Amino acid sequence: LTALSFDNSAITTLYPGLFKGCAALSGVIQLPTVTS
């Protein structure tokens, strides 16, 4: 998994281990809608 974008989504909650082991993710991760 290298590409990740929530854009103008309604996603507010990220849970433990969500991206566990996704070692290919890099750079800046933008989470504009996440509140929890």
Full PDB file with SEQRES, HELIX, SHEET, SSBOND, CRYST1, ORIGX, SCALE, CONECT and MASTER records, all heavy atoms in Angstrom:
SEQRES   1 A   36  LEU THR ALA LEU SER PHE ASP ASN SER ALA ILE THR THR          
SEQRES   2 A   36  LEU TYR PRO GLY LEU PHE LYS GLY CYS ALA ALA LEU SER          
SEQRES   3 A   36  GLY VAL ILE GLN LEU PRO THR VAL THR SER                      
CRYST1    1.000    1.000    1.000  90.00  90.00  90.00 P 1           1          
ORIGX1      1.000000  0.000000  0.000000        0.00000                         
ORIGX2      0.000000  1.000000  0.000000        0.00000                         
ORIGX3      0.000000  0.000000  1.000000        0.00000                         
SCALE1      1.000000  0.000000  0.000000        0.00000                         
SCALE2      0.000000  1.000000  0.000000        0.00000                         
SCALE3      0.000000  0.000000  1.000000        0.00000                         
ATOM      1  N   LEU A   1       0.848  -1.189   0.000  1.00  0.00           N  
ATOM      2  CA  LEU A   1       0.000   0.000   0.000  1.00  0.00           C  
ATOM      3  C   LEU A   1       0.889   1.246   0.000  1.00  0.00           C  
ATOM      4  O   LEU A   1       1.637   1.493   0.935  1.00  0.00           O  
ATOM      5  CB  LEU A   1      -0.894   0.007   1.239  1.00  0.00           C  
ATOM      6  CG  LEU A   1      -1.831   1.210   1.412  1.00  0.00           C  
ATOM      7  CD1 LEU A   1      -2.901   1.216   0.320  1.00  0.00           C  
ATOM      8  CD2 LEU A   1      -2.481   1.185   2.790  1.00  0.00           C  
ATOM      9  N   THR A   2       0.822   2.019  -1.087  1.00  0.00           N  
ATOM     10  CA  THR A   2       1.663   3.215  -1.200  1.00  0.00           C  
ATOM     11  C   THR A   2       0.842   4.496  -1.307  1.00  0.00           C  
ATOM     12  O   THR A   2       1.338   5.571  -0.986  1.00  0.00           O  
ATOM     13  CB  THR A   2       2.583   3.135  -2.433  1.00  0.00           C  
ATOM     14  OG1 THR A   2       1.783   2.966  -3.609  1.00  0.00           O  
ATOM     15  CG2 THR A   2       3.545   1.965  -2.300  1.00  0.00           C  
ATOM     16  N   ALA A   3      -0.389   4.388  -1.800  1.00  0.00           N  
ATOM     17  CA  ALA A   3      -1.225   5.575  -2.008  1.00  0.00           C  
ATOM     18  C   ALA A   3      -2.363   5.582  -0.996  1.00  0.00           C  
ATOM     19  O   ALA A   3      -3.073   4.587  -0.842  1.00  0.00           O  
ATOM     20  CB  ALA A   3      -1.782   5.585  -3.425  1.00  0.00           C  
ATOM     21  N   LEU A   4      -2.549   6.700  -0.316  1.00  0.00           N  
ATOM     22  CA  LEU A   4      -3.537   6.796   0.751  1.00  0.00           C  
ATOM     23  C   LEU A   4      -4.093   8.213   0.782  1.00  0.00           C  
ATOM     24  O   LEU A   4      -3.343   9.175   0.940  1.00  0.00           O  
ATOM     25  CB  LEU A   4      -2.877   6.455   2.092  1.00  0.00           C  
ATOM     26  CG  LEU A   4      -3.728   6.492   3.351  1.00  0.00           C  
ATOM     27  CD1 LEU A   4      -4.768   5.382   3.305  1.00  0.00           C  
ATOM     28  CD2 LEU A   4      -2.847   6.332   4.590  1.00  0.00           C  
ATOM     29  N   SER A   5      -5.403   8.350   0.600  1.00  0.00           N  
ATOM     30  CA  SER A   5      -6.004   9.681   0.641  1.00  0.00           C  
ATOM     31  C   SER A   5      -7.459   9.586   1.077  1.00  0.00           C  
ATOM     32  O   SER A   5      -8.228   8.803   0.516  1.00  0.00           O  
ATOM     33  CB  SER A   5      -5.924  10.365  -0.724  1.00  0.00           C  
ATOM     34  OG  SER A   5      -6.607  11.605  -0.689  1.00  0.00           O  
ATOM     35  N   PHE A   6      -7.820  10.415   2.061  1.00  0.00           N  
ATOM     36  CA  PHE A   6      -9.209  10.450   2.516  1.00  0.00           C  
ATOM     37  C   PHE A   6      -9.976  11.597   1.871  1.00  0.00           C  
ATOM     38  O   PHE A   6     -11.175  11.719   2.065  1.00  0.00           O  
ATOM     39  CB  PHE A   6      -9.275  10.597   4.029  1.00  0.00           C  
ATOM     40  CG  PHE A   6      -8.666   9.465   4.798  1.00  0.00           C  
ATOM     41  CD1 PHE A   6      -8.417   9.588   6.146  1.00  0.00           C  
ATOM     42  CD2 PHE A   6      -8.339   8.269   4.182  1.00  0.00           C  
ATOM     43  CE1 PHE A   6      -7.861   8.549   6.874  1.00  0.00           C  
ATOM     44  CE2 PHE A   6      -7.777   7.231   4.885  1.00  0.00           C  
ATOM     45  CZ  PHE A   6      -7.533   7.372   6.251  1.00  0.00           C  
ATOM     46  N   ASP A   7      -9.260  12.470   1.139  1.00  0.00           N  
ATOM     47  CA  ASP A   7      -9.891  13.579   0.447  1.00  0.00           C  
ATOM     48  C   ASP A   7     -10.938  14.271   1.333  1.00  0.00           C  
ATOM     49  O   ASP A   7     -10.701  14.563   2.481  1.00  0.00           O  
ATOM     50  CB  ASP A   7     -10.500  13.099  -0.865  1.00  0.00           C  
ATOM     51  CG  ASP A   7      -9.446  12.903  -1.937  1.00  0.00           C  
ATOM     52  OD1 ASP A   7      -8.529  13.723  -2.045  1.00  0.00           O  
ATOM     53  OD2 ASP A   7      -9.542  11.913  -2.656  1.00  0.00           O  
ATOM     54  N   ASN A   8     -12.095  14.517   0.749  1.00  0.00           N  
ATOM     55  CA  ASN A   8     -13.174  15.176   1.478  1.00  0.00           C  
ATOM     56  C   ASN A   8     -14.137  14.132   2.022  1.00  0.00           C  
ATOM     57  O   ASN A   8     -15.343  14.199   1.826  1.00  0.00           O  
ATOM     58  CB  ASN A   8     -13.913  16.151   0.546  1.00  0.00           C  
ATOM     59  CG  ASN A   8     -14.885  17.032   1.298  1.00  0.00           C  
ATOM     60  OD1 ASN A   8     -14.653  17.389   2.443  1.00  0.00           O  
ATOM     61  ND2 ASN A   8     -15.984  17.371   0.653  1.00  0.00           N  
ATOM     62  N   SER A   9     -13.594  13.141   2.705  1.00  0.00           N  
ATOM     63  CA  SER A   9     -14.413  12.030   3.192  1.00  0.00           C  
ATOM     64  C   SER A   9     -15.080  12.404   4.509  1.00  0.00           C  
ATOM     65  O   SER A   9     -14.896  13.490   5.048  1.00  0.00           O  
ATOM     66  CB  SER A   9     -13.538  10.790   3.411  1.00  0.00           C  
ATOM     67  OG  SER A   9     -12.727  10.963   4.560  1.00  0.00           O  
ATOM     68  N   ALA A  10     -15.850  11.444   5.031  1.00  0.00           N  
ATOM     69  CA  ALA A  10     -16.482  11.613   6.341  1.00  0.00           C  
ATOM     70  C   ALA A  10     -15.801  10.750   7.397  1.00  0.00           C  
ATOM     71  O   ALA A  10     -16.324  10.580   8.496  1.00  0.00           O  
ATOM     72  CB  ALA A  10     -17.969  11.258   6.248  1.00  0.00           C  
ATOM     73  N   ILE A  11     -14.627  10.187   7.053  1.00  0.00           N  
ATOM     74  CA  ILE A  11     -13.925   9.306   7.991  1.00  0.00           C  
ATOM     75  C   ILE A  11     -13.434  10.112   9.189  1.00  0.00           C  
ATOM     76  O   ILE A  11     -12.661  11.056   9.040  1.00  0.00           O  
ATOM     77  CB  ILE A  11     -12.744   8.602   7.298  1.00  0.00           C  
ATOM     78  CG1 ILE A  11     -13.264   7.689   6.191  1.00  0.00           C  
ATOM     79  CG2 ILE A  11     -11.917   7.799   8.307  1.00  0.00           C  
ATOM     80  CD1 ILE A  11     -12.177   7.128   5.290  1.00  0.00           C  
ATOM     81  N   THR A  12     -13.893   9.734  10.375  1.00  0.00           N  
ATOM     82  CA  THR A  12     -13.533  10.460  11.591  1.00  0.00           C  
ATOM     83  C   THR A  12     -12.739   9.616  12.576  1.00  0.00           C  
ATOM     84  O   THR A  12     -12.056  10.175  13.440  1.00  0.00           O  
ATOM     85  CB  THR A  12     -14.791  10.976  12.307  1.00  0.00           C  
ATOM     86  OG1 THR A  12     -15.647   9.854  12.627  1.00  0.00           O  
ATOM     87  CG2 THR A  12     -15.562  11.958  11.427  1.00  0.00           C  
ATOM     88  N   THR A  13     -12.817   8.291  12.469  1.00  0.00           N  
ATOM     89  CA  THR A  13     -12.219   7.433  13.492  1.00  0.00           C  
ATOM     90  C   THR A  13     -11.264   6.415  12.877  1.00  0.00           C  
ATOM     91  O   THR A  13     -11.624   5.709  11.938  1.00  0.00           O  
ATOM     92  CB  THR A  13     -13.309   6.673  14.281  1.00  0.00           C  
ATOM     93  OG1 THR A  13     -14.241   7.612  14.826  1.00  0.00           O  
ATOM     94  CG2 THR A  13     -12.694   5.875  15.420  1.00  0.00           C  
ATOM     95  N   LEU A  14     -10.043   6.367  13.414  1.00  0.00           N  
ATOM     96  CA  LEU A  14      -9.068   5.351  13.029  1.00  0.00           C  
ATOM     97  C   LEU A  14      -8.836   4.437  14.225  1.00  0.00           C  
ATOM     98  O   LEU A  14      -8.606   4.913  15.336  1.00  0.00           O  
ATOM     99  CB  LEU A  14      -7.739   5.993  12.613  1.00  0.00           C  
ATOM    100  CG  LEU A  14      -7.774   7.017  11.479  1.00  0.00           C  
ATOM    101  CD1 LEU A  14      -6.354   7.430  11.118  1.00  0.00           C  
ATOM    102  CD2 LEU A  14      -8.491   6.480  10.259  1.00  0.00           C  
ATOM    103  N   TYR A  15      -8.860   3.141  13.988  1.00  0.00           N  
ATOM    104  CA  TYR A  15      -8.745   2.184  15.083  1.00  0.00           C  
ATOM    105  C   TYR A  15      -7.338   1.579  15.165  1.00  0.00           C  
ATOM    106  O   TYR A  15      -6.561   1.641  14.216  1.00  0.00           O  
ATOM    107  CB  TYR A  15      -9.796   1.084  14.906  1.00  0.00           C  
ATOM    108  CG  TYR A  15     -11.175   1.542  15.320  1.00  0.00           C  
ATOM    109  CD1 TYR A  15     -12.010   2.188  14.418  1.00  0.00           C  
ATOM    110  CD2 TYR A  15     -11.630   1.363  16.618  1.00  0.00           C  
ATOM    111  CE1 TYR A  15     -13.262   2.637  14.792  1.00  0.00           C  
ATOM    112  CE2 TYR A  15     -12.875   1.805  17.011  1.00  0.00           C  
ATOM    113  CZ  TYR A  15     -13.692   2.440  16.091  1.00  0.00           C  
ATOM    114  OH  TYR A  15     -14.929   2.891  16.466  1.00  0.00           O  
ATOM    115  N   PRO A  16      -7.012   0.974  16.321  1.00  0.00           N  
ATOM    116  CA  PRO A  16      -5.671   0.420  16.525  1.00  0.00           C  
ATOM    117  C   PRO A  16      -5.287  -0.597  15.448  1.00  0.00           C  
ATOM    118  O   PRO A  16      -6.115  -1.386  14.995  1.00  0.00           O  
ATOM    119  CB  PRO A  16      -5.764  -0.255  17.898  1.00  0.00           C  
ATOM    120  CG  PRO A  16      -6.826   0.508  18.609  1.00  0.00           C  
ATOM    121  CD  PRO A  16      -7.830   0.860  17.548  1.00  0.00           C  
ATOM    122  N   GLY A  17      -4.008  -0.551  15.060  1.00  0.00           N  
ATOM    123  CA  GLY A  17      -3.488  -1.520  14.112  1.00  0.00           C  
ATOM    124  C   GLY A  17      -4.013  -1.352  12.704  1.00  0.00           C  
ATOM    125  O   GLY A  17      -3.795  -2.226  11.864  1.00  0.00           O  
ATOM    126  N   LEU A  18      -4.684  -0.241  12.422  1.00  0.00           N  
ATOM    127  CA  LEU A  18      -5.350  -0.053  11.133  1.00  0.00           C  
ATOM    128  C   LEU A  18      -4.421  -0.299   9.952  1.00  0.00           C  
ATOM    129  O   LEU A  18      -4.757  -1.019   9.016  1.00  0.00           O  
ATOM    130  CB  LEU A  18      -5.929   1.363  11.057  1.00  0.00           C  
ATOM    131  CG  LEU A  18      -6.556   1.771   9.733  1.00  0.00           C  
ATOM    132  CD1 LEU A  18      -7.720   0.857   9.385  1.00  0.00           C  
ATOM    133  CD2 LEU A  18      -7.019   3.225   9.786  1.00  0.00           C  
ATOM    134  N   PHE A  19      -3.237   0.309   9.985  1.00  0.00           N  
ATOM    135  CA  PHE A  19      -2.271   0.153   8.899  1.00  0.00           C  
ATOM    136  C   PHE A  19      -1.045  -0.627   9.373  1.00  0.00           C  
ATOM    137  O   PHE A  19       0.066  -0.395   8.908  1.00  0.00           O  
ATOM    138  CB  PHE A  19      -1.856   1.518   8.355  1.00  0.00           C  
ATOM    139  CG  PHE A  19      -2.995   2.285   7.721  1.00  0.00           C  
ATOM    140  CD1 PHE A  19      -3.574   3.351   8.374  1.00  0.00           C  
ATOM    141  CD2 PHE A  19      -3.491   1.916   6.479  1.00  0.00           C  
ATOM    142  CE1 PHE A  19      -4.629   4.057   7.802  1.00  0.00           C  
ATOM    143  CE2 PHE A  19      -4.535   2.611   5.894  1.00  0.00           C  
ATOM    144  CZ  PHE A  19      -5.111   3.683   6.559  1.00  0.00           C  
ATOM    145  N   LYS A  20      -1.236  -1.562  10.276  1.00  0.00           N  
ATOM    146  CA  LYS A  20      -0.130  -2.342  10.838  1.00  0.00           C  
ATOM    147  C   LYS A  20       0.661  -3.040   9.732  1.00  0.00           C  
ATOM    148  O   LYS A  20       0.115  -3.770   8.905  1.00  0.00           O  
ATOM    149  CB  LYS A  20      -0.661  -3.390  11.814  1.00  0.00           C  
ATOM    150  CG  LYS A  20       0.443  -4.214  12.470  1.00  0.00           C  
ATOM    151  CD  LYS A  20      -0.139  -5.229  13.456  1.00  0.00           C  
ATOM    152  CE  LYS A  20       0.977  -6.042  14.086  1.00  0.00           C  
ATOM    153  NZ  LYS A  20       0.426  -7.046  15.046  1.00  0.00           N  
ATOM    154  N   GLY A  21       1.964  -2.786   9.725  1.00  0.00           N  
ATOM    155  CA  GLY A  21       2.832  -3.459   8.772  1.00  0.00           C  
ATOM    156  C   GLY A  21       2.802  -2.910   7.364  1.00  0.00           C  
ATOM    157  O   GLY A  21       3.395  -3.497   6.462  1.00  0.00           O  
ATOM    158  N   CYS A  22       2.111  -1.783   7.161  1.00  0.00           N  
ATOM    159  CA  CYS A  22       2.067  -1.186   5.809  1.00  0.00           C  
ATOM    160  C   CYS A  22       3.346  -0.379   5.585  1.00  0.00           C  
ATOM    161  O   CYS A  22       3.337   0.860   5.523  1.00  0.00           O  
ATOM    162  CB  CYS A  22       0.828  -0.307   5.661  1.00  0.00           C  
ATOM    163  SG  CYS A  22      -0.723  -1.212   5.785  1.00  0.00           S  
ATOM    164  N   ALA A  23       4.448  -1.089   5.448  1.00  0.00           N  
ATOM    165  CA  ALA A  23       5.774  -0.468   5.444  1.00  0.00           C  
ATOM    166  C   ALA A  23       6.047   0.381   4.218  1.00  0.00           C  
ATOM    167  O   ALA A  23       6.990   1.171   4.207  1.00  0.00           O  
ATOM    168  CB  ALA A  23       6.844  -1.549   5.583  1.00  0.00           C  
ATOM    169  N   ALA A  24       5.258   0.235   3.150  1.00  0.00           N  
ATOM    170  CA  ALA A  24       5.504   1.010   1.935  1.00  0.00           C  
ATOM    171  C   ALA A  24       4.941   2.427   2.022  1.00  0.00           C  
ATOM    172  O   ALA A  24       5.253   3.269   1.175  1.00  0.00           O  
ATOM    173  CB  ALA A  24       4.911   0.296   0.722  1.00  0.00           C  
ATOM    174  N   LEU A  25       4.107   2.703   3.023  1.00  0.00           N  
ATOM    175  CA  LEU A  25       3.603   4.063   3.198  1.00  0.00           C  
ATOM    176  C   LEU A  25       4.770   4.984   3.519  1.00  0.00           C  
ATOM    177  O   LEU A  25       5.650   4.636   4.312  1.00  0.00           O  
ATOM    178  CB  LEU A  25       2.575   4.117   4.329  1.00  0.00           C  
ATOM    179  CG  LEU A  25       1.197   3.535   4.025  1.00  0.00           C  
ATOM    180  CD1 LEU A  25       0.347   3.531   5.290  1.00  0.00           C  
ATOM    181  CD2 LEU A  25       0.500   4.309   2.921  1.00  0.00           C  
ATOM    182  N   SER A  26       4.771   6.167   2.929  1.00  0.00           N  
ATOM    183  CA  SER A  26       5.884   7.075   3.151  1.00  0.00           C  
ATOM    184  C   SER A  26       5.429   8.517   3.010  1.00  0.00           C  
ATOM    185  O   SER A  26       4.314   8.799   2.558  1.00  0.00           O  
ATOM    186  CB  SER A  26       7.017   6.792   2.152  1.00  0.00           C  
ATOM    187  OG  SER A  26       6.569   7.010   0.821  1.00  0.00           O  
ATOM    188  N   GLY A  27       6.315   9.411   3.394  1.00  0.00           N  
ATOM    189  CA  GLY A  27       6.047  10.837   3.241  1.00  0.00           C  
ATOM    190  C   GLY A  27       5.045  11.356   4.240  1.00  0.00           C  
ATOM    191  O   GLY A  27       4.987  10.903   5.391  1.00  0.00           O  
ATOM    192  N   VAL A  28       4.232  12.323   3.803  1.00  0.00           N  
ATOM    193  CA  VAL A  28       3.260  12.973   4.676  1.00  0.00           C  
ATOM    194  C   VAL A  28       1.904  12.281   4.535  1.00  0.00           C  
ATOM    195  O   VAL A  28       1.382  12.136   3.432  1.00  0.00           O  
ATOM    196  CB  VAL A  28       3.113  14.466   4.332  1.00  0.00           C  
ATOM    197  CG1 VAL A  28       2.053  15.123   5.199  1.00  0.00           C  
ATOM    198  CG2 VAL A  28       4.452  15.172   4.494  1.00  0.00           C  
ATOM    199  N   ILE A  29       1.342  11.838   5.655  1.00  0.00           N  
ATOM    200  CA  ILE A  29       0.008  11.248   5.684  1.00  0.00           C  
ATOM    201  C   ILE A  29      -0.965  12.320   6.144  1.00  0.00           C  
ATOM    202  O   ILE A  29      -0.849  12.834   7.264  1.00  0.00           O  
ATOM    203  CB  ILE A  29      -0.062  10.040   6.632  1.00  0.00           C  
ATOM    204  CG1 ILE A  29       1.001   8.988   6.258  1.00  0.00           C  
ATOM    205  CG2 ILE A  29      -1.454   9.431   6.630  1.00  0.00           C  
ATOM    206  CD1 ILE A  29       0.804   8.370   4.903  1.00  0.00           C  
ATOM    207  N   GLN A  30      -1.930  12.690   5.281  1.00  0.00           N  
ATOM    208  CA  GLN A  30      -2.858  13.768   5.604  1.00  0.00           C  
ATOM    209  C   GLN A  30      -4.213  13.193   5.998  1.00  0.00           C  
ATOM    210  O   GLN A  30      -4.820  12.439   5.244  1.00  0.00           O  
ATOM    211  CB  GLN A  30      -3.004  14.708   4.406  1.00  0.00           C  
ATOM    212  CG  GLN A  30      -1.684  15.336   4.003  1.00  0.00           C  
ATOM    213  CD  GLN A  30      -1.859  16.467   3.017  1.00  0.00           C  
ATOM    214  OE1 GLN A  30      -1.524  17.609   3.285  1.00  0.00           O  
ATOM    215  NE2 GLN A  30      -2.389  16.138   1.843  1.00  0.00           N  
ATOM    216  N   LEU A  31      -4.671  13.572   7.181  1.00  0.00           N  
ATOM    217  CA  LEU A  31      -5.922  13.056   7.736  1.00  0.00           C  
ATOM    218  C   LEU A  31      -6.823  14.227   8.137  1.00  0.00           C  
ATOM    219  O   LEU A  31      -7.065  14.471   9.315  1.00  0.00           O  
ATOM    220  CB  LEU A  31      -5.628  12.164   8.947  1.00  0.00           C  
ATOM    221  CG  LEU A  31      -4.616  11.030   8.720  1.00  0.00           C  
ATOM    222  CD1 LEU A  31      -4.303  10.319  10.034  1.00  0.00           C  
ATOM    223  CD2 LEU A  31      -5.147  10.038   7.695  1.00  0.00           C  
ATOM    224  N   PRO A  32      -7.362  14.964   7.167  1.00  0.00           N  
ATOM    225  CA  PRO A  32      -8.068  16.205   7.481  1.00  0.00           C  
ATOM    226  C   PRO A  32      -9.381  16.023   8.217  1.00  0.00           C  
ATOM    227  O   PRO A  32      -9.837  16.945   8.899  1.00  0.00           O  
ATOM    228  CB  PRO A  32      -8.305  16.828   6.103  1.00  0.00           C  
ATOM    229  CG  PRO A  32      -8.280  15.680   5.161  1.00  0.00           C  
ATOM    230  CD  PRO A  32      -7.272  14.731   5.712  1.00  0.00           C  
ATOM    231  N   THR A  33     -10.019  14.861   8.103  1.00  0.00           N  
ATOM    232  CA  THR A  33     -11.337  14.683   8.718  1.00  0.00           C  
ATOM    233  C   THR A  33     -11.297  13.913  10.026  1.00  0.00           C  
ATOM    234  O   THR A  33     -12.299  13.830  10.732  1.00  0.00           O  
ATOM    235  CB  THR A  33     -12.274  13.930   7.748  1.00  0.00           C  
ATOM    236  OG1 THR A  33     -11.720  12.631   7.472  1.00  0.00           O  
ATOM    237  CG2 THR A  33     -12.424  14.693   6.445  1.00  0.00           C  
ATOM    238  N   VAL A  34     -10.142  13.322  10.352  1.00  0.00           N  
ATOM    239  CA  VAL A  34     -10.045  12.441  11.522  1.00  0.00           C  
ATOM    240  C   VAL A  34     -10.084  13.245  12.816  1.00  0.00           C  
ATOM    241  O   VAL A  34      -9.312  14.183  13.007  1.00  0.00           O  
ATOM    242  CB  VAL A  34      -8.764  11.594  11.462  1.00  0.00           C  
ATOM    243  CG1 VAL A  34      -8.568  10.806  12.747  1.00  0.00           C  
ATOM    244  CG2 VAL A  34      -8.825  10.654  10.264  1.00  0.00           C  
ATOM    245  N   THR A  35     -10.991  12.848  13.703  1.00  0.00           N  
ATOM    246  CA  THR A  35     -11.136  13.519  14.996  1.00  0.00           C  
ATOM    247  C   THR A  35     -10.882  12.577  16.160  1.00  0.00           C  
ATOM    248  O   THR A  35     -10.797  13.023  17.306  1.00  0.00           O  
ATOM    249  CB  THR A  35     -12.553  14.097  15.159  1.00  0.00           C  
ATOM    250  OG1 THR A  35     -13.512  13.018  15.104  1.00  0.00           O  
ATOM    251  CG2 THR A  35     -12.865  15.090  14.049  1.00  0.00           C  
ATOM    252  N   SER A  36     -10.770  11.284  15.894  1.00  0.00           N  
ATOM    253  CA  SER A  36     -10.634  10.326  16.991  1.00  0.00           C  
ATOM    254  C   SER A  36      -9.695   9.203  16.606  1.00  0.00           C  
ATOM    255  O   SER A  36      -9.772   8.646  15.506  1.00  0.00           O  
ATOM    256  CB  SER A  36     -12.004   9.734  17.343  1.00  0.00           C  
ATOM    257  OG  SER A  36     -11.885   8.719  18.322  1.00  0.00           O  
TER     258      SER A  36                                                      
MASTER        0    0    0    0    0    0    0    6  257    1    0    3          
END                                                                             
